[in-house]
């Protein structure tokens, strides 16, 4: 039998995922304008993913698995790297922030330094190429690089 706290956690997680996904989907701007993907496509895809995740959340009768200290540390470091990315983007720009925090996130996930650098570099390069070159959508340069480009 599950404890009340475990039941409350499971239902709170399910309801939170459902509400967040539905909000992201419904509040998004139009996904396609003039036949091309627009700014509303990504929030709609994420919203659908969150709703599906909430619906597929297992209904196991077992209690939550106990996390090891390494798993907790990895999850904490991953959350901190996401916060660091959010703080760094306005100052150093999207590319530098993504490279740095992607490397830190991979390292906290257990990848070697070489793997982390390759993964974050390939992610940053492919996203930069897709956004800047293919879609002609400029990524944030950040205050530091905006000052340097004006010199």
C-alpha atoms as a PDB file:
ATOM      1  CA  UNK A   1       0.000   0.000   0.000  1.00  0.00           C
ATOM      2  CA  UNK A   2       1.311   3.402  -0.936  1.00  0.00           C
ATOM      3  CA  UNK A   3       1.671   6.047   1.684  1.00  0.00           C
ATOM      4  CA  UNK A   4      -0.461   9.162   1.363  1.00  0.00           C
ATOM      5  CA  UNK A   5       2.632  11.268   0.643  1.00  0.00           C
ATOM      6  CA  UNK A   6       3.598   9.033  -2.290  1.00  0.00           C
ATOM      7  CA  UNK A   7       0.072   9.150  -3.706  1.00  0.00           C
ATOM      8  CA  UNK A   8      -0.016  12.925  -3.350  1.00  0.00           C
ATOM      9  CA  UNK A   9       3.357  13.262  -5.105  1.00  0.00           C
ATOM     10  CA  UNK A  10       2.289  11.026  -7.997  1.00  0.00           C
ATOM     11  CA  UNK A  11      -1.006  12.838  -8.576  1.00  0.00           C
ATOM     12  CA  UNK A  12       0.567  16.272  -8.141  1.00  0.00           C
ATOM     13  CA  UNK A  13       3.193  15.403 -10.739  1.00  0.00           C
ATOM     14  CA  UNK A  14       0.554  14.133 -13.173  1.00  0.00           C
ATOM     15  CA  UNK A  15      -1.679  17.200 -12.756  1.00  0.00           C
ATOM     16  CA  UNK A  16       1.284  19.580 -13.020  1.00  0.00           C
ATOM     17  CA  UNK A  17       2.478  17.959 -16.250  1.00  0.00           C
ATOM     18  CA  UNK A  18      -1.047  18.020 -17.703  1.00  0.00           C
ATOM     19  CA  UNK A  19      -1.657  21.679 -16.825  1.00  0.00           C
ATOM     20  CA  UNK A  20       1.778  22.822 -18.000  1.00  0.00           C
ATOM     21  CA  UNK A  21       1.485  20.934 -21.278  1.00  0.00           C
ATOM     22  CA  UNK A  22      -2.034  22.155 -21.980  1.00  0.00           C
ATOM     23  CA  UNK A  23      -1.047  25.735 -21.128  1.00  0.00           C
ATOM     24  CA  UNK A  24       2.002  25.640 -23.403  1.00  0.00           C
ATOM     25  CA  UNK A  25      -0.059  24.195 -26.247  1.00  0.00           C
ATOM     26  CA  UNK A  26      -3.017  26.552 -25.906  1.00  0.00           C
ATOM     27  CA  UNK A  27      -1.021  29.737 -25.267  1.00  0.00           C
ATOM     28  CA  UNK A  28       1.327  29.218 -28.218  1.00  0.00           C
ATOM     29  CA  UNK A  29       1.057  31.478 -31.256  1.00  0.00           C
ATOM     30  CA  UNK A  30       0.070  29.884 -34.585  1.00  0.00           C
ATOM     31  CA  UNK A  31       2.409  27.033 -35.508  1.00  0.00           C
ATOM     32  CA  UNK A  32       2.385  27.686 -39.240  1.00  0.00           C
ATOM     33  CA  UNK A  33       2.202  30.997 -41.008  1.00  0.00           C
ATOM     34  CA  UNK A  34       2.446  31.293 -44.778  1.00  0.00           C
ATOM     35  CA  UNK A  35       3.059  27.551 -44.952  1.00  0.00           C
ATOM     36  CA  UNK A  36       6.288  27.733 -42.918  1.00  0.00           C
ATOM     37  CA  UNK A  37       6.923  26.678 -39.319  1.00  0.00           C
ATOM     38  CA  UNK A  38       6.597  29.646 -37.014  1.00  0.00           C
ATOM     39  CA  UNK A  39       7.389  30.500 -33.437  1.00  0.00           C
ATOM     40  CA  UNK A  40       4.401  28.544 -32.159  1.00  0.00           C
ATOM     41  CA  UNK A  41       5.619  25.171 -33.379  1.00  0.00           C
ATOM     42  CA  UNK A  42       8.058  24.486 -30.533  1.00  0.00           C
ATOM     43  CA  UNK A  43       5.666  25.342 -27.654  1.00  0.00           C
ATOM     44  CA  UNK A  44       3.003  23.166 -29.253  1.00  0.00           C
ATOM     45  CA  UNK A  45       5.373  20.195 -29.616  1.00  0.00           C
ATOM     46  CA  UNK A  46       6.566  20.589 -26.017  1.00  0.00           C
ATOM     47  CA  UNK A  47       2.988  20.937 -24.767  1.00  0.00           C
ATOM     48  CA  UNK A  48       1.934  17.741 -26.506  1.00  0.00           C
ATOM     49  CA  UNK A  49       5.013  15.971 -25.121  1.00  0.00           C
ATOM     50  CA  UNK A  50       4.199  17.019 -21.561  1.00  0.00           C
ATOM     51  CA  UNK A  51       0.574  15.903 -21.867  1.00  0.00           C
ATOM     52  CA  UNK A  52       1.641  12.536 -23.296  1.00  0.00           C
ATOM     53  CA  UNK A  53       4.216  12.163 -20.497  1.00  0.00           C
ATOM     54  CA  UNK A  54       1.519  12.834 -17.902  1.00  0.00           C
ATOM     55  CA  UNK A  55      -0.789  10.281 -19.467  1.00  0.00           C
ATOM     56  CA  UNK A  56       1.979   7.659 -19.699  1.00  0.00           C
ATOM     57  CA  UNK A  57       3.143   8.140 -16.113  1.00  0.00           C
ATOM     58  CA  UNK A  58       3.112   4.600 -14.681  1.00  0.00           C
ATOM     59  CA  UNK A  59       0.391   3.649 -12.229  1.00  0.00           C
ATOM     60  CA  UNK A  60       2.609   1.299 -10.261  1.00  0.00           C
ATOM     61  CA  UNK A  61       1.606   0.297  -6.794  1.00  0.00           C
ATOM     62  CA  UNK A  62       5.243   0.331  -5.655  1.00  0.00           C
ATOM     63  CA  UNK A  63       6.786   3.237  -3.830  1.00  0.00           C
ATOM     64  CA  UNK A  64       9.212   5.551  -5.576  1.00  0.00           C
ATOM     65  CA  UNK A  65      12.712   4.140  -6.042  1.00  0.00           C
ATOM     66  CA  UNK A  66      15.325   5.393  -3.640  1.00  0.00           C
ATOM     67  CA  UNK A  67      17.822   7.680  -5.326  1.00  0.00           C
ATOM     68  CA  UNK A  68      21.498   7.220  -4.640  1.00  0.00           C
ATOM     69  CA  UNK A  69      23.710  10.115  -3.629  1.00  0.00           C
ATOM     70  CA  UNK A  70      25.303  10.135  -7.100  1.00  0.00           C
ATOM     71  CA  UNK A  71      21.898  10.327  -8.792  1.00  0.00           C
ATOM     72  CA  UNK A  72      20.849  13.225  -6.539  1.00  0.00           C
ATOM     73  CA  UNK A  73      24.121  15.055  -7.211  1.00  0.00           C
ATOM     74  CA  UNK A  74      23.737  14.547 -10.965  1.00  0.00           C
ATOM     75  CA  UNK A  75      20.148  15.823 -10.930  1.00  0.00           C
ATOM     76  CA  UNK A  76      21.154  18.839  -8.831  1.00  0.00           C
ATOM     77  CA  UNK A  77      24.057  19.650 -11.159  1.00  0.00           C
ATOM     78  CA  UNK A  78      21.808  19.321 -14.199  1.00  0.00           C
ATOM     79  CA  UNK A  79      19.289  21.750 -12.697  1.00  0.00           C
ATOM     80  CA  UNK A  80      22.101  24.143 -11.785  1.00  0.00           C
ATOM     81  CA  UNK A  81      23.482  24.022 -15.327  1.00  0.00           C
ATOM     82  CA  UNK A  82      20.017  24.945 -16.665  1.00  0.00           C
ATOM     83  CA  UNK A  83      19.872  27.899 -14.287  1.00  0.00           C
ATOM     84  CA  UNK A  84      23.408  28.881 -15.250  1.00  0.00           C
ATOM     85  CA  UNK A  85      22.431  28.815 -18.939  1.00  0.00           C
ATOM     86  CA  UNK A  86      19.514  31.134 -18.214  1.00  0.00           C
ATOM     87  CA  UNK A  87      21.807  33.557 -16.405  1.00  0.00           C
ATOM     88  CA  UNK A  88      24.596  33.416 -19.009  1.00  0.00           C
ATOM     89  CA  UNK A  89      22.587  33.895 -22.227  1.00  0.00           C
ATOM     90  CA  UNK A  90      22.000  37.658 -21.775  1.00  0.00           C
ATOM     91  CA  UNK A  91      25.632  38.340 -20.921  1.00  0.00           C
ATOM     92  CA  UNK A  92      27.719  36.014 -23.130  1.00  0.00           C
ATOM     93  CA  UNK A  93      25.168  35.013 -25.763  1.00  0.00           C
ATOM     94  CA  UNK A  94      23.442  31.832 -26.787  1.00  0.00           C
ATOM     95  CA  UNK A  95      26.367  30.000 -28.360  1.00  0.00           C
ATOM     96  CA  UNK A  96      28.884  30.464 -25.540  1.00  0.00           C
ATOM     97  CA  UNK A  97      26.283  29.741 -22.847  1.00  0.00           C
ATOM     98  CA  UNK A  98      25.151  26.574 -24.626  1.00  0.00           C
ATOM     99  CA  UNK A  99      28.705  25.314 -25.069  1.00  0.00           C
ATOM    100  CA  UNK A 100      29.616  25.891 -21.432  1.00  0.00           C
ATOM    101  CA  UNK A 101      26.464  24.609 -19.794  1.00  0.00           C
ATOM    102  CA  UNK A 102      26.108  21.711 -22.227  1.00  0.00           C
ATOM    103  CA  UNK A 103      29.576  20.563 -21.264  1.00  0.00           C
ATOM    104  CA  UNK A 104      28.772  20.912 -17.561  1.00  0.00           C
ATOM    105  CA  UNK A 105      25.483  19.038 -17.960  1.00  0.00           C
ATOM    106  CA  UNK A 106      27.175  16.178 -19.814  1.00  0.00           C
ATOM    107  CA  UNK A 107      29.919  15.988 -17.214  1.00  0.00           C
ATOM    108  CA  UNK A 108      27.363  15.825 -14.398  1.00  0.00           C
ATOM    109  CA  UNK A 109      25.588  13.056 -16.323  1.00  0.00           C
ATOM    110  CA  UNK A 110      28.729  10.931 -16.258  1.00  0.00           C
ATOM    111  CA  UNK A 111      30.292  11.624 -19.665  1.00  0.00           C
ATOM    112  CA  UNK A 112      34.038  12.050 -20.005  1.00  0.00           C
ATOM    113  CA  UNK A 113      35.453  15.481 -20.784  1.00  0.00           C
ATOM    114  CA  UNK A 114      36.070  14.501 -24.416  1.00  0.00           C
ATOM    115  CA  UNK A 115      32.522  13.179 -24.851  1.00  0.00           C
ATOM    116  CA  UNK A 116      31.063  16.229 -23.146  1.00  0.00           C
ATOM    117  CA  UNK A 117      32.947  18.638 -25.391  1.00  0.00           C
ATOM    118  CA  UNK A 118      32.020  16.718 -28.546  1.00  0.00           C
ATOM    119  CA  UNK A 119      28.341  16.501 -27.578  1.00  0.00           C
ATOM    120  CA  UNK A 120      27.976  20.144 -26.576  1.00  0.00           C
ATOM    121  CA  UNK A 121      29.945  21.365 -29.592  1.00  0.00           C
ATOM    122  CA  UNK A 122      27.889  19.278 -32.027  1.00  0.00           C
ATOM    123  CA  UNK A 123      24.618  20.349 -30.380  1.00  0.00           C
ATOM    124  CA  UNK A 124      25.583  24.023 -30.418  1.00  0.00           C
ATOM    125  CA  UNK A 125      26.885  23.900 -33.984  1.00  0.00           C
ATOM    126  CA  UNK A 126      23.857  22.087 -35.398  1.00  0.00           C
ATOM    127  CA  UNK A 127      21.369  24.349 -33.627  1.00  0.00           C
ATOM    128  CA  UNK A 128      23.333  27.456 -34.632  1.00  0.00           C
ATOM    129  CA  UNK A 129      23.466  26.295 -38.255  1.00  0.00           C
ATOM    130  CA  UNK A 130      19.763  25.475 -38.313  1.00  0.00           C
ATOM    131  CA  UNK A 131      18.656  28.731 -36.709  1.00  0.00           C
ATOM    132  CA  UNK A 132      21.157  31.237 -38.102  1.00  0.00           C
ATOM    133  CA  UNK A 133      21.857  29.848 -41.569  1.00  0.00           C
ATOM    134  CA  UNK A 134      18.817  27.819 -42.572  1.00  0.00           C
ATOM    135  CA  UNK A 135      16.023  29.765 -40.875  1.00  0.00           C
ATOM    136  CA  UNK A 136      17.829  33.142 -40.817  1.00  0.00           C
ATOM    137  CA  UNK A 137      16.728  33.618 -37.224  1.00  0.00           C
ATOM    138  CA  UNK A 138      19.422  35.366 -35.158  1.00  0.00           C
ATOM    139  CA  UNK A 139      20.316  33.854 -31.812  1.00  0.00           C
ATOM    140  CA  UNK A 140      21.069  36.171 -28.878  1.00  0.00           C
ATOM    141  CA  UNK A 141      24.641  37.485 -29.096  1.00  0.00           C
ATOM    142  CA  UNK A 142      24.787  38.654 -25.499  1.00  0.00           C
ATOM    143  CA  UNK A 143      26.058  41.913 -24.079  1.00  0.00           C
ATOM    144  CA  UNK A 144      29.720  40.908 -24.229  1.00  0.00           C
ATOM    145  CA  UNK A 145      29.750  40.014 -27.930  1.00  0.00           C
ATOM    146  CA  UNK A 146      27.460  42.906 -28.843  1.00  0.00           C
ATOM    147  CA  UNK A 147      30.024  45.302 -27.322  1.00  0.00           C
ATOM    148  CA  UNK A 148      32.924  43.580 -29.077  1.00  0.00           C
ATOM    149  CA  UNK A 149      31.214  43.635 -32.483  1.00  0.00           C
ATOM    150  CA  UNK A 150      30.600  47.395 -32.170  1.00  0.00           C
ATOM    151  CA  UNK A 151      34.324  48.123 -31.707  1.00  0.00           C
END
